[in-house]
N, C-alpha and C. Protein backbone atom coordinates (compact mmCIF):
# COMPACT_ATOMS: atom_id res chain seq x y z
N MET A 1 228.99 182.32 -35.73
CA MET A 1 229.55 181.79 -34.58
C MET A 1 230.78 182.51 -34.19
N ARG A 2 231.73 182.85 -35.34
CA ARG A 2 232.73 183.73 -34.93
C ARG A 2 232.64 184.89 -34.55
N GLU A 3 231.56 185.92 -34.79
CA GLU A 3 231.24 187.41 -34.51
C GLU A 3 231.10 186.94 -32.87
N ARG A 4 230.62 185.79 -32.43
CA ARG A 4 230.26 186.13 -30.78
C ARG A 4 231.98 186.01 -30.10
N GLY A 5 233.09 185.83 -30.98
CA GLY A 5 234.40 185.47 -29.98
C GLY A 5 234.23 184.33 -29.38
N TYR A 6 234.88 184.33 -28.38
CA TYR A 6 235.33 183.25 -27.34
C TYR A 6 234.45 183.01 -26.33
N GLY A 7 233.83 181.74 -25.69
CA GLY A 7 233.22 181.90 -24.60
C GLY A 7 233.75 181.08 -23.71
N MET A 8 233.23 181.25 -22.48
CA MET A 8 233.89 180.18 -21.38
C MET A 8 232.14 179.34 -20.72
N PHE A 9 232.80 178.09 -21.02
CA PHE A 9 231.42 177.39 -20.28
C PHE A 9 231.93 176.70 -19.04
N VAL A 10 231.07 177.08 -18.11
CA VAL A 10 231.32 176.41 -16.50
C VAL A 10 230.45 175.39 -16.30
N HIS A 11 231.22 174.67 -15.57
CA HIS A 11 230.59 172.95 -15.37
C HIS A 11 230.74 173.09 -13.61
N PHE A 12 229.61 173.39 -13.23
CA PHE A 12 229.91 173.71 -11.58
C PHE A 12 228.71 172.75 -11.00
N GLY A 13 228.52 171.42 -11.16
CA GLY A 13 227.64 170.72 -10.69
C GLY A 13 228.18 169.50 -9.64
N MET A 14 227.29 168.30 -9.46
CA MET A 14 227.74 167.79 -8.68
C MET A 14 228.93 166.93 -8.33
N ASN A 15 229.56 167.18 -9.66
CA ASN A 15 231.06 166.28 -9.61
C ASN A 15 231.81 167.22 -8.94
N THR A 16 231.54 168.33 -8.91
CA THR A 16 232.94 169.29 -8.39
C THR A 16 232.87 168.96 -7.00
N PHE A 17 231.71 168.65 -5.93
CA PHE A 17 231.69 168.04 -4.89
C PHE A 17 231.96 166.58 -4.47
N ASN A 18 231.84 165.86 -5.53
CA ASN A 18 231.97 164.34 -5.27
C ASN A 18 233.25 163.76 -5.94
N GLY A 19 234.03 164.76 -6.20
CA GLY A 19 235.61 164.28 -6.84
C GLY A 19 235.44 163.17 -7.80
N LEU A 20 234.51 163.03 -8.62
CA LEU A 20 234.62 162.14 -9.48
C LEU A 20 234.40 162.84 -11.03
N GLU A 21 235.11 161.93 -11.99
CA GLU A 21 234.94 162.74 -13.32
C GLU A 21 233.55 162.27 -13.86
N TRP A 22 232.93 161.35 -13.71
CA TRP A 22 231.76 160.81 -13.81
C TRP A 22 231.15 160.21 -12.81
N SER A 23 229.79 160.53 -12.87
CA SER A 23 229.00 160.14 -11.66
C SER A 23 227.83 159.80 -12.48
N GLU A 24 226.97 158.74 -11.56
CA GLU A 24 225.54 158.34 -11.99
C GLU A 24 224.42 158.81 -11.96
N GLY A 25 224.37 160.07 -11.12
CA GLY A 25 223.06 160.63 -10.51
C GLY A 25 222.71 159.70 -9.10
N LYS A 26 223.42 159.32 -8.14
CA LYS A 26 222.90 158.57 -6.99
C LYS A 26 223.62 159.18 -5.79
N ASP A 27 224.40 160.33 -6.29
CA ASP A 27 224.86 161.07 -4.98
C ASP A 27 223.54 162.32 -4.64
N PRO A 28 223.58 162.11 -2.67
CA PRO A 28 222.27 162.99 -2.57
C PRO A 28 222.70 164.40 -2.80
N ALA A 29 221.55 164.97 -3.15
CA ALA A 29 221.49 166.75 -3.67
C ALA A 29 222.19 167.52 -2.38
N THR A 30 222.18 166.87 -1.35
CA THR A 30 222.67 167.61 -0.17
C THR A 30 224.72 168.03 -0.42
N LEU A 31 224.79 167.17 -0.81
CA LEU A 31 226.37 166.90 -1.16
C LEU A 31 226.79 168.29 -1.94
N TYR A 32 225.80 168.74 -2.70
CA TYR A 32 226.02 170.09 -3.23
C TYR A 32 226.04 170.90 -2.69
N ASN A 33 226.95 171.83 -1.87
CA ASN A 33 226.93 172.96 -1.15
C ASN A 33 228.16 173.84 -1.21
N PRO A 34 227.89 174.46 -2.28
CA PRO A 34 229.09 175.63 -2.32
C PRO A 34 228.91 176.55 -1.35
N THR A 35 229.77 176.80 -0.46
CA THR A 35 230.03 177.91 0.07
C THR A 35 231.27 178.93 0.04
N GLU A 36 230.79 180.09 -0.06
CA GLU A 36 231.71 181.21 -0.55
C GLU A 36 231.40 181.60 -1.99
N LEU A 37 230.76 180.96 -2.63
CA LEU A 37 230.70 181.06 -4.02
C LEU A 37 230.75 182.83 -4.53
N ASP A 38 231.36 183.14 -5.58
CA ASP A 38 231.52 184.44 -5.88
C ASP A 38 231.08 183.98 -7.37
N CYS A 39 230.26 183.81 -8.03
CA CYS A 39 229.78 183.64 -9.52
C CYS A 39 230.34 185.07 -10.24
N GLU A 40 230.03 186.15 -9.53
CA GLU A 40 230.55 187.41 -10.15
C GLU A 40 231.81 187.45 -10.43
N GLN A 41 232.69 186.57 -9.66
CA GLN A 41 234.04 186.81 -10.07
C GLN A 41 234.10 186.05 -11.45
N TRP A 42 233.75 185.23 -11.38
CA TRP A 42 233.76 184.18 -12.47
C TRP A 42 233.82 184.56 -13.89
N VAL A 43 232.37 185.82 -13.85
CA VAL A 43 231.93 186.60 -14.84
C VAL A 43 233.44 187.63 -15.13
N ARG A 44 233.46 188.08 -13.85
CA ARG A 44 234.62 189.54 -14.11
C ARG A 44 236.04 188.65 -15.03
N THR A 45 236.08 187.50 -14.17
CA THR A 45 237.50 186.97 -15.16
C THR A 45 237.60 186.41 -16.38
N ALA A 46 236.08 186.27 -17.00
CA ALA A 46 235.63 185.92 -18.20
C ALA A 46 235.97 187.13 -18.99
N ARG A 47 235.42 188.10 -18.47
CA ARG A 47 235.86 189.36 -18.98
C ARG A 47 236.69 189.96 -19.36
N ASP A 48 237.70 189.77 -18.22
CA ASP A 48 238.96 190.20 -18.21
C ASP A 48 240.09 189.40 -19.05
N ALA A 49 239.46 188.10 -19.41
CA ALA A 49 240.43 187.10 -20.52
C ALA A 49 239.86 187.33 -21.71
N GLY A 50 238.96 188.47 -22.08
CA GLY A 50 238.56 188.47 -23.33
C GLY A 50 237.25 187.54 -23.75
N PHE A 51 237.19 186.73 -22.83
CA PHE A 51 235.56 186.31 -23.31
C PHE A 51 234.48 187.25 -23.56
N ARG A 52 233.79 186.76 -24.39
CA ARG A 52 232.39 187.80 -24.77
C ARG A 52 231.04 187.13 -24.30
N TYR A 53 231.13 185.92 -23.46
CA TYR A 53 230.21 185.10 -22.99
C TYR A 53 230.17 183.73 -22.19
N VAL A 54 229.36 183.70 -21.04
CA VAL A 54 229.84 182.66 -20.13
C VAL A 54 228.49 181.80 -20.04
N LEU A 55 228.56 181.04 -20.05
CA LEU A 55 228.11 179.64 -20.36
C LEU A 55 227.74 178.57 -19.28
N LEU A 56 226.64 178.59 -18.15
CA LEU A 56 226.86 177.91 -17.08
C LEU A 56 225.46 176.75 -17.53
N VAL A 57 226.78 175.29 -17.58
CA VAL A 57 225.94 174.20 -17.96
C VAL A 57 225.00 173.66 -16.78
N THR A 58 223.91 174.02 -16.96
CA THR A 58 222.82 173.64 -15.48
C THR A 58 222.10 171.97 -15.45
N LYS A 59 222.40 171.52 -16.28
CA LYS A 59 222.21 170.13 -16.15
C LYS A 59 222.99 168.77 -16.95
N HIS A 60 223.60 168.23 -16.39
CA HIS A 60 224.75 167.32 -16.64
C HIS A 60 224.23 166.06 -17.12
N HIS A 61 225.19 165.02 -17.77
CA HIS A 61 224.68 163.78 -17.74
C HIS A 61 224.08 162.61 -16.47
N ASP A 62 224.41 163.37 -15.12
CA ASP A 62 223.73 162.47 -14.09
C ASP A 62 222.54 162.92 -14.26
N GLY A 63 221.77 164.21 -14.43
CA GLY A 63 220.50 164.44 -14.32
C GLY A 63 220.46 165.61 -13.04
N PHE A 64 221.51 165.90 -12.49
CA PHE A 64 221.41 166.95 -11.75
C PHE A 64 220.76 168.37 -12.04
N CYS A 65 219.93 168.78 -11.53
CA CYS A 65 219.72 170.30 -11.98
C CYS A 65 220.11 171.44 -11.24
N LEU A 66 220.40 172.42 -11.80
CA LEU A 66 220.68 173.80 -11.00
C LEU A 66 219.79 175.05 -10.92
N TRP A 67 218.21 174.29 -11.24
CA TRP A 67 217.51 175.04 -11.54
C TRP A 67 216.27 174.50 -10.46
N ASP A 68 215.06 175.30 -10.17
CA ASP A 68 213.80 174.37 -9.53
C ASP A 68 212.96 173.79 -10.87
N SER A 69 213.05 172.34 -10.45
CA SER A 69 211.97 171.52 -11.63
C SER A 69 210.96 170.75 -11.40
N ALA A 70 209.88 170.91 -11.42
CA ALA A 70 208.89 169.98 -11.27
C ALA A 70 208.94 168.47 -11.86
N GLY A 71 209.84 168.53 -12.49
CA GLY A 71 209.80 166.93 -13.06
C GLY A 71 211.21 165.86 -12.58
N THR A 72 211.81 166.68 -11.54
CA THR A 72 213.01 166.05 -10.72
C THR A 72 212.92 166.49 -9.24
N ASP A 73 213.25 165.93 -8.28
CA ASP A 73 214.01 165.90 -7.35
C ASP A 73 215.32 166.11 -7.06
N TYR A 74 215.92 165.76 -7.84
CA TYR A 74 217.37 165.93 -7.97
C TYR A 74 217.75 167.27 -8.61
N LEU A 75 217.91 168.18 -7.48
CA LEU A 75 218.10 169.28 -7.70
C LEU A 75 219.05 169.91 -6.54
N ALA A 76 219.69 171.19 -7.40
CA ALA A 76 220.43 172.25 -6.08
C ALA A 76 219.81 172.30 -5.22
N PRO A 77 220.03 172.29 -4.01
CA PRO A 77 219.21 173.00 -2.75
C PRO A 77 219.50 174.21 -2.94
N THR A 78 220.04 175.20 -3.72
CA THR A 78 220.23 176.34 -3.99
C THR A 78 219.68 177.14 -5.22
N ALA A 79 218.92 176.14 -5.88
CA ALA A 79 218.55 176.33 -7.23
C ALA A 79 217.67 177.20 -7.27
N ALA A 80 217.02 178.23 -6.31
CA ALA A 80 216.19 178.98 -6.47
C ALA A 80 217.26 180.20 -6.89
N THR A 81 218.61 180.27 -6.03
CA THR A 81 219.25 181.49 -6.48
C THR A 81 219.75 181.62 -7.95
N CYS A 82 219.61 180.78 -8.60
CA CYS A 82 219.82 181.09 -10.24
C CYS A 82 218.94 182.24 -10.69
N ARG A 83 217.84 182.28 -10.20
CA ARG A 83 216.99 183.50 -10.72
C ARG A 83 217.53 184.75 -10.62
N THR A 84 218.52 185.05 -10.00
CA THR A 84 219.20 186.08 -9.81
C THR A 84 219.80 186.71 -11.04
N TYR A 85 220.00 185.94 -12.15
CA TYR A 85 220.86 186.30 -13.41
C TYR A 85 220.37 185.85 -14.67
N SER A 86 219.31 185.12 -14.10
CA SER A 86 218.51 184.50 -15.41
C SER A 86 217.53 185.60 -16.02
N SER A 87 217.33 185.31 -17.53
CA SER A 87 216.19 186.48 -17.80
C SER A 87 215.21 185.98 -18.18
């Protein structure tokens, strides 16, 4: 792990929009509404700060998913846009 250097973990889920530290997964998915989102700015900032990787937490304890899933309807309305940077 040491060879990888420091990494940035990004938590940008439902709690970003409901103002809570901990939620129970009962907020409507439509509450998740990122406007003027610039994920490339996050990556540039991480790179400029010397981080070697960025990890986006895509599912948290509340079950809210940032990707399309056949296993749940509790997902971001914008989940399809995650495909832009996935491999």
